[in-house]
Amino acid sequence: MNFSDSFFKRVEDKTSVNKNSILSLAKKLQGDNMKDENKLREVIRDLSKMTGKNVSKEQEEKIINAVINDRVPNNIDKMI
């Protein structure tokens, strides 16, 4: 999936997380890492720190279950 610079700009405007940080996090989730709960928790916590948003244990579990069970929308760019 290719994202345009405008996508990264919209994300940065909403979250204050820059393109390089996003790409760095994405690299952590390549291949089978999308099914690795520990790696997902690490990325969620990294994002939480970067954005200054608290993610409760319950929210973390919901995110992990959605990713592991392939319930993440394909059109993420439309959500931003």
N, C-alpha and C. Protein backbone atom coordinates (compact mmCIF):
# COMPACT_ATOMS: atom_id res chain seq x y z
N MET A 1 0.84 -1.17 0.00
CA MET A 1 0.00 0.00 0.00
C MET A 1 0.89 1.24 0.00
N ASN A 2 0.68 2.09 -0.95
CA ASN A 2 1.46 3.32 -1.04
C ASN A 2 0.63 4.49 -0.54
N PHE A 3 1.26 5.32 0.27
CA PHE A 3 0.60 6.50 0.79
C PHE A 3 1.28 7.73 0.21
N SER A 4 0.48 8.74 -0.07
CA SER A 4 1.02 9.97 -0.64
C SER A 4 1.55 10.87 0.48
N ASP A 5 2.33 11.85 0.08
CA ASP A 5 2.83 12.81 1.05
C ASP A 5 1.68 13.56 1.72
N SER A 6 0.58 13.75 1.00
CA SER A 6 -0.56 14.44 1.61
C SER A 6 -1.16 13.60 2.75
N PHE A 7 -1.13 12.29 2.60
CA PHE A 7 -1.60 11.42 3.68
C PHE A 7 -0.74 11.62 4.93
N PHE A 8 0.59 11.58 4.74
CA PHE A 8 1.49 11.75 5.87
C PHE A 8 1.32 13.14 6.49
N LYS A 9 1.07 14.14 5.68
CA LYS A 9 0.86 15.50 6.18
C LYS A 9 -0.40 15.56 7.04
N ARG A 10 -1.47 14.90 6.58
CA ARG A 10 -2.72 14.87 7.37
C ARG A 10 -2.50 14.18 8.70
N VAL A 11 -1.77 13.07 8.68
CA VAL A 11 -1.47 12.35 9.92
C VAL A 11 -0.65 13.22 10.85
N GLU A 12 0.38 13.86 10.32
CA GLU A 12 1.24 14.71 11.14
C GLU A 12 0.44 15.89 11.72
N ASP A 13 -0.44 16.47 10.93
CA ASP A 13 -1.25 17.59 11.42
C ASP A 13 -2.15 17.16 12.58
N LYS A 14 -2.69 15.94 12.52
CA LYS A 14 -3.59 15.46 13.55
C LYS A 14 -2.87 14.89 14.76
N THR A 15 -1.68 14.34 14.57
CA THR A 15 -1.03 13.60 15.65
C THR A 15 0.32 14.16 16.09
N SER A 16 0.90 15.03 15.30
CA SER A 16 2.26 15.56 15.53
C SER A 16 3.33 14.48 15.39
N VAL A 17 3.00 13.38 14.72
CA VAL A 17 3.96 12.32 14.44
C VAL A 17 4.40 12.48 12.99
N ASN A 18 5.70 12.62 12.77
CA ASN A 18 6.18 12.90 11.41
C ASN A 18 6.31 11.62 10.57
N LYS A 19 6.50 11.83 9.29
CA LYS A 19 6.56 10.74 8.30
C LYS A 19 7.64 9.73 8.66
N ASN A 20 8.81 10.18 9.05
CA ASN A 20 9.90 9.25 9.37
C ASN A 20 9.55 8.37 10.55
N SER A 21 8.88 8.92 11.55
CA SER A 21 8.46 8.13 12.71
C SER A 21 7.42 7.09 12.31
N ILE A 22 6.50 7.49 11.45
CA ILE A 22 5.47 6.57 10.96
C ILE A 22 6.11 5.43 10.20
N LEU A 23 7.04 5.75 9.31
CA LEU A 23 7.70 4.72 8.52
C LEU A 23 8.54 3.80 9.40
N SER A 24 9.15 4.34 10.43
CA SER A 24 9.93 3.54 11.37
C SER A 24 9.03 2.54 12.10
N LEU A 25 7.87 3.00 12.53
CA LEU A 25 6.92 2.10 13.19
C LEU A 25 6.41 1.04 12.21
N ALA A 26 6.16 1.44 10.98
CA ALA A 26 5.67 0.50 9.98
C ALA A 26 6.68 -0.61 9.73
N LYS A 27 7.96 -0.28 9.75
CA LYS A 27 8.99 -1.30 9.55
C LYS A 27 8.96 -2.35 10.65
N LYS A 28 8.58 -1.94 11.86
CA LYS A 28 8.48 -2.90 12.96
C LYS A 28 7.38 -3.92 12.73
N LEU A 29 6.41 -3.56 11.89
CA LEU A 29 5.24 -4.42 11.67
C LEU A 29 5.25 -5.14 10.32
N GLN A 30 6.40 -5.25 9.72
CA GLN A 30 6.47 -5.94 8.44
C GLN A 30 6.44 -7.45 8.64
N GLY A 31 5.97 -8.14 7.61
CA GLY A 31 5.96 -9.60 7.63
C GLY A 31 5.03 -10.15 8.69
N ASP A 32 5.50 -11.14 9.41
CA ASP A 32 4.68 -11.83 10.41
C ASP A 32 4.52 -11.04 11.70
N ASN A 33 5.17 -9.90 11.83
CA ASN A 33 5.08 -9.11 13.05
C ASN A 33 3.66 -8.60 13.32
N MET A 34 2.81 -8.57 12.29
CA MET A 34 1.43 -8.12 12.47
C MET A 34 0.64 -9.09 13.33
N LYS A 35 1.13 -10.28 13.51
CA LYS A 35 0.46 -11.28 14.34
C LYS A 35 1.21 -11.50 15.65
N ASP A 36 2.26 -10.76 15.88
CA ASP A 36 3.07 -10.88 17.10
C ASP A 36 2.55 -9.90 18.14
N GLU A 37 1.86 -10.43 19.17
CA GLU A 37 1.25 -9.58 20.18
C GLU A 37 2.26 -8.67 20.86
N ASN A 38 3.43 -9.18 21.16
CA ASN A 38 4.44 -8.36 21.83
C ASN A 38 4.89 -7.20 20.95
N LYS A 39 5.08 -7.45 19.67
CA LYS A 39 5.49 -6.39 18.74
C LYS A 39 4.36 -5.37 18.59
N LEU A 40 3.12 -5.83 18.52
CA LEU A 40 1.99 -4.92 18.43
C LEU A 40 1.88 -4.04 19.67
N ARG A 41 2.07 -4.63 20.84
CA ARG A 41 2.03 -3.86 22.09
C ARG A 41 3.13 -2.79 22.09
N GLU A 42 4.31 -3.17 21.62
CA GLU A 42 5.43 -2.23 21.55
C GLU A 42 5.08 -1.04 20.66
N VAL A 43 4.51 -1.32 19.50
CA VAL A 43 4.16 -0.26 18.56
C VAL A 43 3.04 0.62 19.14
N ILE A 44 2.04 0.01 19.76
CA ILE A 44 0.95 0.78 20.37
C ILE A 44 1.50 1.71 21.45
N ARG A 45 2.39 1.21 22.26
CA ARG A 45 2.98 2.03 23.33
C ARG A 45 3.86 3.13 22.75
N ASP A 46 4.60 2.82 21.70
CA ASP A 46 5.42 3.85 21.03
C ASP A 46 4.52 4.96 20.49
N LEU A 47 3.44 4.57 19.82
CA LEU A 47 2.51 5.57 19.28
C LEU A 47 1.87 6.40 20.39
N SER A 48 1.55 5.74 21.48
CA SER A 48 0.96 6.44 22.61
C SER A 48 1.90 7.52 23.13
N LYS A 49 3.17 7.17 23.25
CA LYS A 49 4.17 8.14 23.71
C LYS A 49 4.35 9.28 22.71
N MET A 50 4.42 8.93 21.43
CA MET A 50 4.64 9.93 20.38
C MET A 50 3.50 10.94 20.30
N THR A 51 2.28 10.46 20.51
CA THR A 51 1.11 11.32 20.35
C THR A 51 0.68 11.96 21.67
N GLY A 52 1.20 11.46 22.78
CA GLY A 52 0.80 11.97 24.08
C GLY A 52 -0.60 11.53 24.47
N LYS A 53 -1.07 10.48 23.84
CA LYS A 53 -2.41 9.95 24.12
C LYS A 53 -2.29 8.67 24.94
N ASN A 54 -3.05 8.59 26.01
CA ASN A 54 -3.04 7.40 26.83
C ASN A 54 -3.90 6.32 26.19
N VAL A 55 -3.39 5.10 26.14
CA VAL A 55 -4.13 3.96 25.62
C VAL A 55 -4.34 3.01 26.79
N SER A 56 -5.59 2.81 27.17
CA SER A 56 -5.89 1.93 28.29
C SER A 56 -5.59 0.48 27.91
N LYS A 57 -5.49 -0.35 28.90
CA LYS A 57 -5.25 -1.79 28.68
C LYS A 57 -6.38 -2.37 27.83
N GLU A 58 -7.60 -1.93 28.10
CA GLU A 58 -8.76 -2.40 27.34
C GLU A 58 -8.66 -1.99 25.86
N GLN A 59 -8.29 -0.74 25.62
CA GLN A 59 -8.13 -0.26 24.24
C GLN A 59 -7.02 -1.02 23.54
N GLU A 60 -5.92 -1.25 24.25
CA GLU A 60 -4.79 -1.99 23.69
C GLU A 60 -5.24 -3.39 23.27
N GLU A 61 -6.00 -4.06 24.11
CA GLU A 61 -6.50 -5.39 23.80
C GLU A 61 -7.41 -5.37 22.57
N LYS A 62 -8.28 -4.37 22.47
CA LYS A 62 -9.18 -4.26 21.31
C LYS A 62 -8.38 -4.05 20.02
N ILE A 63 -7.36 -3.21 20.09
CA ILE A 63 -6.53 -2.95 18.91
C ILE A 63 -5.82 -4.23 18.48
N ILE A 64 -5.22 -4.91 19.44
CA ILE A 64 -4.48 -6.14 19.14
C ILE A 64 -5.41 -7.19 18.56
N ASN A 65 -6.58 -7.38 19.15
CA ASN A 65 -7.53 -8.36 18.63
C ASN A 65 -7.99 -8.01 17.22
N ALA A 66 -8.21 -6.73 16.95
CA ALA A 66 -8.63 -6.31 15.61
C ALA A 66 -7.53 -6.61 14.58
N VAL A 67 -6.29 -6.32 14.93
CA VAL A 67 -5.19 -6.55 13.99
C VAL A 67 -4.98 -8.05 13.77
N ILE A 68 -4.93 -8.81 14.84
CA ILE A 68 -4.67 -10.25 14.73
C ILE A 68 -5.79 -10.96 13.96
N ASN A 69 -7.01 -10.49 14.13
CA ASN A 69 -8.16 -11.12 13.47
C ASN A 69 -8.52 -10.45 12.14
N ASP A 70 -7.58 -9.66 11.60
CA ASP A 70 -7.76 -9.02 10.28
C ASP A 70 -9.03 -8.18 10.19
N ARG A 71 -9.31 -7.41 11.23
CA ARG A 71 -10.49 -6.55 11.22
C ARG A 71 -10.11 -5.08 11.13
N VAL A 72 -8.98 -4.80 10.51
CA VAL A 72 -8.53 -3.43 10.31
C VAL A 72 -8.96 -3.00 8.92
N PRO A 73 -9.62 -1.83 8.79
CA PRO A 73 -10.08 -1.40 7.46
C PRO A 73 -8.92 -1.21 6.49
N ASN A 74 -9.17 -1.51 5.23
CA ASN A 74 -8.16 -1.34 4.18
C ASN A 74 -8.00 0.10 3.75
N ASN A 75 -8.99 0.93 4.01
CA ASN A 75 -8.97 2.31 3.56
C ASN A 75 -8.64 3.26 4.71
N ILE A 76 -7.53 3.02 5.39
CA ILE A 76 -7.13 3.82 6.54
C ILE A 76 -6.95 5.29 6.15
N ASP A 77 -6.48 5.55 4.94
CA ASP A 77 -6.26 6.94 4.53
C ASP A 77 -7.55 7.76 4.56
N LYS A 78 -8.71 7.13 4.41
CA LYS A 78 -9.98 7.85 4.46
C LYS A 78 -10.41 8.15 5.89
N MET A 79 -9.80 7.47 6.86
CA MET A 79 -10.12 7.69 8.26
C MET A 79 -9.41 8.90 8.82
N ILE A 80 -8.37 9.37 8.15
CA ILE A 80 -7.56 10.48 8.66
C ILE A 80 -8.09 11.79 8.12
